[in-house]
């Protein structure tokens, strides 16, 4: 009887060694239906356990992808980003999921961007992710969507730069504002309103007392149509330029006269 019991224990022990594949299959059979039904909270726990306990199994690739998708479905962006990154490390050449995972990596970065008034580090990260995606899949089924998202993200950077430039102008720092405006023209080109930026640059140089530079920017509008509403803004800027020149000339004259009076005393 004791021998029979020992045999049974030995059989159980042998069975455990032989059923690792069966154990992984059971875990998969529990996790997959949860995922398919979009029960992501339950699915992510089961999938995480499978990925940890069954490395290299036939289910690992799909399980890692589904785990990332579960976090994505729950809008757990940090966790999704980590899982997609892990997937690409383990399966960099995945034909079934590679393209989508790289797109998802860009999406989760984009879903973490801040408003233009806040730090734009995540915006830069998302832009880099979408650019990398397009480098790898320029003609892929998601390439048009990636380009559209890139446009939105770059518009965020433009608005951020504009807010900073306006802030410097309000603070009486026209030189700093001019640096940002020039950078916007150089970096974003046709993405910004070039007429508006050039006019703002002219106003910055008026404020700095660099009148020739200001006039060179205003001269860009010499051919503007008479019925263009923007023409009034240009006229206002020219008036500001004339006033600033007159004021500076008057101040210089007063300084000379003050100097003469002091010499005569």
Protein backbone atom coordinates (compact mmCIF):
# COMPACT_ATOMS: atom_id res chain seq x y z
CA UNK A 1 0.00 0.00 0.00
CA UNK A 2 2.89 2.31 0.90
CA UNK A 3 4.58 1.44 -2.38
CA UNK A 4 1.42 2.31 -4.27
CA UNK A 5 1.30 5.67 -2.54
CA UNK A 6 4.95 6.34 -3.38
CA UNK A 7 4.28 5.42 -7.01
CA UNK A 8 1.36 7.79 -7.11
CA UNK A 9 3.52 10.62 -5.75
CA UNK A 10 6.21 9.79 -8.29
CA UNK A 11 3.62 9.84 -11.01
CA UNK A 12 2.40 13.26 -9.91
CA UNK A 13 5.96 14.56 -9.83
CA UNK A 14 6.65 13.22 -13.31
CA UNK A 15 3.34 14.61 -14.48
CA UNK A 16 4.28 18.12 -13.29
CA UNK A 17 7.50 18.02 -15.29
CA UNK A 18 5.69 16.86 -18.37
CA UNK A 19 2.78 19.30 -18.20
CA UNK A 20 4.56 22.65 -18.43
CA UNK A 21 3.18 22.97 -21.93
CA UNK A 22 -0.25 21.97 -20.69
CA UNK A 23 -0.01 24.53 -17.87
CA UNK A 24 0.81 27.26 -20.37
CA UNK A 25 -2.06 26.12 -22.55
CA UNK A 26 -4.44 26.35 -19.59
CA UNK A 27 -3.24 29.85 -18.76
CA UNK A 28 -3.71 30.87 -22.37
CA UNK A 29 -7.18 29.31 -22.52
CA UNK A 30 -8.16 31.44 -19.52
CA UNK A 31 -6.56 34.68 -20.66
CA UNK A 32 -7.50 34.79 -24.34
CA UNK A 33 -11.31 34.78 -23.92
CA UNK A 34 -11.04 37.62 -21.40
CA UNK A 35 -9.01 39.64 -23.85
CA UNK A 36 -11.29 38.87 -26.78
CA UNK A 37 -14.27 40.05 -24.72
CA UNK A 38 -12.35 43.23 -23.85
CA UNK A 39 -12.30 42.39 -20.17
CA UNK A 40 -8.91 44.02 -20.02
CA UNK A 41 -8.57 44.25 -16.23
CA UNK A 42 -8.86 40.49 -15.86
CA UNK A 43 -7.01 39.78 -19.09
CA UNK A 44 -3.90 41.78 -18.18
CA UNK A 45 -3.45 39.86 -14.92
CA UNK A 46 -3.76 36.49 -16.61
CA UNK A 47 -1.56 37.53 -19.55
CA UNK A 48 1.11 38.94 -17.27
CA UNK A 49 1.23 35.64 -15.37
CA UNK A 50 1.50 33.71 -18.63
CA UNK A 51 4.30 35.89 -19.99
CA UNK A 52 6.24 35.53 -16.74
CA UNK A 53 5.77 31.79 -16.24
CA UNK A 54 5.86 30.62 -19.85
CA UNK A 55 8.79 32.37 -21.57
CA UNK A 56 9.48 31.01 -25.02
CA UNK A 57 6.15 29.22 -25.25
CA UNK A 58 4.09 29.20 -28.46
CA UNK A 59 1.79 31.74 -26.78
CA UNK A 60 4.40 34.27 -25.66
CA UNK A 61 4.42 36.54 -28.71
CA UNK A 62 0.66 36.93 -28.90
CA UNK A 63 0.35 37.13 -25.10
CA UNK A 64 2.87 40.00 -24.93
CA UNK A 65 1.04 41.81 -27.70
CA UNK A 66 -2.33 41.28 -26.02
CA UNK A 67 -0.88 42.49 -22.71
CA UNK A 68 0.17 45.75 -24.31
CA UNK A 69 -3.23 46.04 -25.96
CA UNK A 70 -4.97 45.43 -22.63
CA UNK A 71 -3.14 48.37 -21.04
CA UNK A 72 -3.87 50.39 -24.18
CA UNK A 73 -7.56 49.56 -23.91
CA UNK A 74 -7.54 50.73 -20.30
CA UNK A 75 -5.69 53.93 -21.26
CA UNK A 76 -2.80 52.96 -19.01
CA UNK A 77 -0.33 54.70 -21.26
CA UNK A 78 2.86 54.23 -19.22
CA UNK A 79 2.24 50.52 -18.81
CA UNK A 80 1.27 50.10 -22.46
CA UNK A 81 4.44 51.90 -23.51
CA UNK A 82 6.54 49.55 -21.39
CA UNK A 83 4.85 46.44 -22.73
CA UNK A 84 5.19 47.50 -26.36
CA UNK A 85 8.85 48.30 -25.75
CA UNK A 86 9.37 44.85 -24.20
CA UNK A 87 7.61 43.24 -27.14
CA UNK A 88 9.89 44.94 -29.65
CA UNK A 89 12.96 43.85 -27.72
CA UNK A 90 11.83 40.23 -27.68
CA UNK A 91 10.25 40.14 -31.13
CA UNK A 92 11.91 42.90 -33.21
CA UNK A 93 11.14 41.15 -36.48
CA UNK A 94 7.53 40.17 -35.71
CA UNK A 95 5.66 40.03 -38.99
CA UNK A 96 2.26 39.65 -37.37
CA UNK A 97 2.42 42.49 -34.87
CA UNK A 98 5.56 44.54 -35.58
CA UNK A 99 3.94 47.29 -37.62
CA UNK A 100 1.01 47.76 -35.25
CA UNK A 101 3.18 47.71 -32.13
CA UNK A 102 5.41 50.43 -33.54
CA UNK A 103 2.34 52.50 -34.37
CA UNK A 104 0.90 51.89 -30.92
CA UNK A 105 4.20 53.01 -29.38
CA UNK A 106 3.78 56.34 -31.12
CA UNK A 107 0.12 56.54 -30.13
CA UNK A 108 0.76 56.00 -26.43
CA UNK A 109 3.45 58.68 -26.49
CA UNK A 110 1.01 61.05 -28.21
CA UNK A 111 -1.63 60.30 -25.60
CA UNK A 112 0.71 61.61 -22.92
CA UNK A 113 1.48 65.02 -24.42
CA UNK A 114 0.78 68.11 -22.37
CA UNK A 115 -1.11 71.25 -23.35
CA UNK A 116 0.96 73.93 -25.12
CA UNK A 117 1.34 75.87 -21.85
CA UNK A 118 3.23 72.96 -20.26
CA UNK A 119 6.39 70.98 -20.95
CA UNK A 120 6.55 69.49 -24.44
CA UNK A 121 9.02 66.66 -23.86
CA UNK A 122 6.36 64.04 -24.54
CA UNK A 123 5.38 65.86 -27.71
CA UNK A 124 8.94 65.57 -28.97
CA UNK A 125 8.99 61.89 -27.99
CA UNK A 126 5.75 61.26 -29.88
CA UNK A 127 7.02 63.12 -32.95
CA UNK A 128 10.19 61.01 -32.94
CA UNK A 129 8.11 57.82 -32.59
CA UNK A 130 5.86 58.69 -35.52
CA UNK A 131 8.84 59.71 -37.64
CA UNK A 132 10.57 56.40 -36.86
CA UNK A 133 7.37 54.56 -37.74
CA UNK A 134 7.14 56.33 -41.10
CA UNK A 135 10.79 55.59 -41.82
CA UNK A 136 10.07 51.88 -41.39
CA UNK A 137 6.60 51.79 -42.96
CA UNK A 138 6.37 54.73 -45.38
CA UNK A 139 3.67 53.02 -47.42
CA UNK A 140 2.02 51.04 -44.62
CA UNK A 141 -1.73 50.98 -43.96
CA UNK A 142 -1.27 53.42 -41.06
CA UNK A 143 1.13 55.83 -42.75
CA UNK A 144 -1.55 58.42 -43.57
CA UNK A 145 -2.78 58.36 -39.98
CA UNK A 146 0.78 58.76 -38.72
CA UNK A 147 1.29 61.80 -40.95
CA UNK A 148 -1.94 63.37 -39.71
CA UNK A 149 -0.91 62.83 -36.09
CA UNK A 150 2.50 64.33 -36.82
CA UNK A 151 0.83 67.46 -38.13
CA UNK A 152 -1.17 67.81 -34.91
CA UNK A 153 1.90 67.34 -32.75
CA UNK A 154 3.95 69.86 -34.71
CA UNK A 155 1.10 72.35 -34.38
CA UNK A 156 1.40 71.89 -30.61
CA UNK A 157 5.06 72.85 -30.77
CA UNK A 158 4.21 75.91 -32.87
CA UNK A 159 1.64 77.02 -30.31
CA UNK A 160 4.15 76.44 -27.49
CA UNK A 161 6.75 78.60 -29.24
CA UNK A 162 4.16 81.28 -29.92
CA UNK A 163 3.07 81.37 -26.29
CA UNK A 164 6.66 81.79 -25.12
CA UNK A 165 7.34 84.55 -27.64
CA UNK A 166 4.17 86.42 -26.66
CA UNK A 167 5.08 86.08 -22.99
CA UNK A 168 8.50 87.63 -23.58
CA UNK A 169 6.85 90.47 -25.49
CA UNK A 170 4.47 91.14 -22.59
CA UNK A 171 7.38 91.05 -20.16
CA UNK A 172 9.19 93.75 -22.13
CA UNK A 173 11.83 91.35 -23.47
CA UNK A 174 11.61 91.98 -27.24
CA UNK A 175 15.02 90.49 -27.96
CA UNK A 176 14.07 87.14 -26.44
CA UNK A 177 10.72 87.24 -28.25
CA UNK A 178 12.48 87.93 -31.57
CA UNK A 179 14.67 84.87 -31.08
CA UNK A 180 11.60 82.66 -30.75
CA UNK A 181 9.84 84.24 -33.70
CA UNK A 182 12.88 83.75 -35.93
CA UNK A 183 13.21 80.16 -34.80
CA UNK A 184 9.56 79.54 -35.67
CA UNK A 185 10.10 80.81 -39.21
CA UNK A 186 13.21 78.67 -39.59
CA UNK A 187 11.91 75.48 -37.98
CA UNK A 188 8.26 75.42 -38.96
CA UNK A 189 8.17 77.32 -42.25
CA UNK A 190 4.75 77.25 -43.86
CA UNK A 191 3.23 75.72 -40.73
CA UNK A 192 3.14 79.20 -39.17
CA UNK A 193 1.46 82.41 -40.32
CA UNK A 194 4.55 84.00 -41.80
CA UNK A 195 2.95 87.41 -42.28
CA UNK A 196 1.96 87.54 -38.64
CA UNK A 197 5.40 86.41 -37.46
CA UNK A 198 7.22 88.95 -39.65
CA UNK A 199 4.99 91.73 -38.36
CA UNK A 200 5.67 90.67 -34.78
CA UNK A 201 9.39 90.67 -35.53
CA UNK A 202 9.11 94.22 -36.85
CA UNK A 203 7.38 95.23 -33.61
CA UNK A 204 10.14 93.57 -31.58
CA UNK A 205 12.82 95.55 -33.41
CA UNK A 206 10.85 98.76 -32.95
CA UNK A 207 10.80 98.04 -29.22
CA UNK A 208 14.56 97.39 -29.28
CA UNK A 209 15.20 100.67 -31.10
CA UNK A 210 16.64 98.85 -34.12
CA UNK A 211 14.61 100.84 -36.62
CA UNK A 212 16.38 99.86 -39.84
CA UNK A 213 15.87 96.18 -39.00
CA UNK A 214 12.22 96.86 -38.19
CA UNK A 215 11.73 98.65 -41.49
CA UNK A 216 13.31 95.77 -43.40
CA UNK A 217 10.63 93.46 -42.01
CA UNK A 218 7.84 95.92 -42.73
CA UNK A 219 9.06 96.35 -46.29
CA UNK A 220 8.08 92.72 -46.89
CA UNK A 221 4.48 93.98 -46.98
CA UNK A 222 4.96 96.74 -49.54
CA UNK A 223 3.03 94.83 -52.19
CA UNK A 224 0.07 94.03 -50.00
CA UNK A 225 -3.34 94.55 -51.58
CA UNK A 226 -5.26 97.66 -50.55
CA UNK A 227 -8.35 95.65 -49.61
CA UNK A 228 -6.37 93.20 -47.46
CA UNK A 229 -7.39 93.70 -43.80
CA UNK A 230 -3.80 92.95 -42.80
CA UNK A 231 -2.75 96.22 -44.44
CA UNK A 232 -4.16 98.18 -41.48
CA UNK A 233 -1.92 96.27 -39.10
CA UNK A 234 1.07 97.12 -41.25
CA UNK A 235 0.08 100.80 -41.27
CA UNK A 236 -0.17 100.73 -37.48
CA UNK A 237 3.31 99.23 -37.28
CA UNK A 238 4.71 101.94 -39.56
CA UNK A 239 3.08 104.57 -37.33
CA UNK A 240 4.67 102.94 -34.28
CA UNK A 241 8.01 103.01 -36.08
CA UNK A 242 7.67 106.72 -36.90
CA UNK A 243 6.67 107.52 -33.32
CA UNK A 244 9.61 105.55 -31.92
CA UNK A 245 12.04 107.30 -34.25
CA UNK A 246 10.61 110.71 -33.36
CA UNK A 247 10.79 109.91 -29.65
CA UNK A 248 14.38 108.74 -29.91
CA UNK A 249 15.38 111.84 -31.90
CA UNK A 250 13.70 114.06 -29.31
CA UNK A 251 15.46 112.27 -26.46
CA UNK A 252 18.83 112.63 -28.18
CA UNK A 253 18.19 116.31 -28.79
CA UNK A 254 17.26 116.79 -25.14
CA UNK A 255 20.42 114.98 -24.08
CA UNK A 256 22.54 117.29 -26.27
CA UNK A 257 20.81 120.37 -24.92
CA UNK A 258 21.18 119.09 -21.36
CA UNK A 259 24.88 118.56 -22.00
CA UNK A 260 25.30 122.08 -23.33
CA UNK A 261 23.53 123.55 -20.29
CA UNK A 262 25.80 121.64 -17.96
CA UNK A 263 28.87 122.87 -19.82
CA UNK A 264 27.64 126.46 -19.60
CA UNK A 265 27.21 126.26 -15.80
